[in-house]
Amino acid sequence: MGETGGIVLRVYEANGRPAANVKIRLPGGVASAAEVNLIEESIRKLNLRNNTLSFDLHPYEIKTFKLEPGKTN
């Protein structure tokens, strides 16, 4: 859980090779996603397609994402 709510997902490229078009399938119920820095400040809002987060990684790069759940009834 992030400091201001939501779920924080952090990924790391550990093989020293770029990874293009990485896809992470998220469970239903994620309303929005944003790339954030290591202290969870927003960098940019991301578009989710079919509950899938897509991004590229440079060698040894760390990326952090903040996922916001949708409202439940």
C-alpha atoms as a PDB file:
ATOM      1  CA  MET A   1       0.000   0.000   0.000  1.00  0.00           C
ATOM      2  CA  GLY A   2       1.341   3.409  -0.932  1.00  0.00           C
ATOM      3  CA  GLU A   3       1.719   6.237   1.554  1.00  0.00           C
ATOM      4  CA  THR A   4      -1.369   7.995   0.204  1.00  0.00           C
ATOM      5  CA  GLY A   5      -3.385   4.872  -0.575  1.00  0.00           C
ATOM      6  CA  GLY A   6      -3.416   2.769  -3.710  1.00  0.00           C
ATOM      7  CA  ILE A   7      -1.082  -0.092  -4.511  1.00  0.00           C
ATOM      8  CA  VAL A   8       2.579   0.402  -5.402  1.00  0.00           C
ATOM      9  CA  LEU A   9       4.176  -1.963  -7.915  1.00  0.00           C
ATOM     10  CA  ARG A  10       7.940  -1.785  -8.417  1.00  0.00           C
ATOM     11  CA  VAL A  11       9.790  -3.638 -11.184  1.00  0.00           C
ATOM     12  CA  TYR A  12      13.519  -3.991 -11.865  1.00  0.00           C
ATOM     13  CA  GLU A  13      15.432  -5.148 -14.933  1.00  0.00           C
ATOM     14  CA  ALA A  14      18.118  -7.379 -13.444  1.00  0.00           C
ATOM     15  CA  ASN A  15      19.840  -8.915 -16.502  1.00  0.00           C
ATOM     16  CA  GLY A  16      21.490  -5.788 -17.909  1.00  0.00           C
ATOM     17  CA  ARG A  17      19.474  -5.956 -21.140  1.00  0.00           C
ATOM     18  CA  PRO A  18      16.703  -3.666 -22.348  1.00  0.00           C
ATOM     19  CA  ALA A  19      13.206  -5.107 -22.142  1.00  0.00           C
ATOM     20  CA  ALA A  20      10.793  -3.682 -24.706  1.00  0.00           C
ATOM     21  CA  ASN A  21       7.020  -3.878 -24.496  1.00  0.00           C
ATOM     22  CA  VAL A  22       6.825  -5.479 -21.042  1.00  0.00           C
ATOM     23  CA  LYS A  23       3.239  -6.332 -20.156  1.00  0.00           C
ATOM     24  CA  ILE A  24       1.759  -6.945 -16.727  1.00  0.00           C
ATOM     25  CA  ARG A  25      -1.820  -8.166 -16.583  1.00  0.00           C
ATOM     26  CA  LEU A  26      -3.600  -6.609 -13.595  1.00  0.00           C
ATOM     27  CA  PRO A  27      -6.643  -7.962 -11.799  1.00  0.00           C
ATOM     28  CA  GLY A  28      -9.974  -6.311 -12.530  1.00  0.00           C
ATOM     29  CA  GLY A  29     -10.860  -3.370 -10.352  1.00  0.00           C
ATOM     30  CA  VAL A  30      -7.819  -1.189 -11.088  1.00  0.00           C
ATOM     31  CA  ALA A  31      -9.284   2.175 -12.117  1.00  0.00           C
ATOM     32  CA  SER A  32      -6.074   4.018 -12.991  1.00  0.00           C
ATOM     33  CA  ALA A  33      -2.301   3.698 -13.072  1.00  0.00           C
ATOM     34  CA  ALA A  34       0.553   6.182 -12.997  1.00  0.00           C
ATOM     35  CA  GLU A  35       4.315   5.935 -13.210  1.00  0.00           C
ATOM     36  CA  VAL A  36       5.778   7.460 -10.052  1.00  0.00           C
ATOM     37  CA  ASN A  37       9.281   8.073  -8.743  1.00  0.00           C
ATOM     38  CA  LEU A  38      10.808   6.172  -5.829  1.00  0.00           C
ATOM     39  CA  ILE A  39       9.092   8.461  -3.314  1.00  0.00           C
ATOM     40  CA  GLU A  40       5.759   8.011  -5.100  1.00  0.00           C
ATOM     41  CA  GLU A  41       5.519  11.430  -6.754  1.00  0.00           C
ATOM     42  CA  SER A  42       3.647  11.213 -10.052  1.00  0.00           C
ATOM     43  CA  ILE A  43       5.692  11.250 -13.269  1.00  0.00           C
ATOM     44  CA  ARG A  44       2.920  10.492 -15.756  1.00  0.00           C
ATOM     45  CA  LYS A  45      -0.501   8.928 -15.973  1.00  0.00           C
ATOM     46  CA  LEU A  46      -0.670   5.655 -17.910  1.00  0.00           C
ATOM     47  CA  ASN A  47      -3.411   4.180 -20.042  1.00  0.00           C
ATOM     48  CA  LEU A  48      -4.503   0.673 -19.144  1.00  0.00           C
ATOM     49  CA  ARG A  49      -5.779  -1.489 -21.995  1.00  0.00           C
ATOM     50  CA  ASN A  50      -7.679  -4.638 -21.056  1.00  0.00           C
ATOM     51  CA  ASN A  51      -6.319  -4.347 -17.490  1.00  0.00           C
ATOM     52  CA  THR A  52      -2.761  -4.521 -18.861  1.00  0.00           C
ATOM     53  CA  LEU A  53       0.126  -2.228 -17.991  1.00  0.00           C
ATOM     54  CA  SER A  54       2.684  -1.892 -20.837  1.00  0.00           C
ATOM     55  CA  PHE A  55       6.118  -0.261 -20.622  1.00  0.00           C
ATOM     56  CA  ASP A  56       9.784  -0.509 -21.641  1.00  0.00           C
ATOM     57  CA  LEU A  57      12.756  -0.995 -19.315  1.00  0.00           C
ATOM     58  CA  HIS A  58      16.375   0.044 -19.850  1.00  0.00           C
ATOM     59  CA  PRO A  59      19.193  -2.147 -18.491  1.00  0.00           C
ATOM     60  CA  TYR A  60      19.082  -2.236 -14.666  1.00  0.00           C
ATOM     61  CA  GLU A  61      16.230   0.273 -14.603  1.00  0.00           C
ATOM     62  CA  ILE A  62      13.771   0.440 -11.725  1.00  0.00           C
ATOM     63  CA  LYS A  63      10.209   1.553 -12.480  1.00  0.00           C
ATOM     64  CA  THR A  64       7.529   2.231  -9.921  1.00  0.00           C
ATOM     65  CA  PHE A  65       3.815   2.317 -10.628  1.00  0.00           C
ATOM     66  CA  LYS A  66       0.914   3.388  -8.453  1.00  0.00           C
ATOM     67  CA  LEU A  67      -2.369   1.612  -9.062  1.00  0.00           C
ATOM     68  CA  GLU A  68      -5.648   3.082  -7.858  1.00  0.00           C
ATOM     69  CA  PRO A  69      -8.563   0.720  -7.275  1.00  0.00           C
ATOM     70  CA  GLY A  70     -11.990   1.520  -8.654  1.00  0.00           C
ATOM     71  CA  LYS A  71     -14.929   2.201  -6.408  1.00  0.00           C
ATOM     72  CA  THR A  72     -16.787  -0.837  -5.154  1.00  0.00           C
ATOM     73  CA  ASN A  73     -20.503  -0.949  -4.484  1.00  0.00           C
END
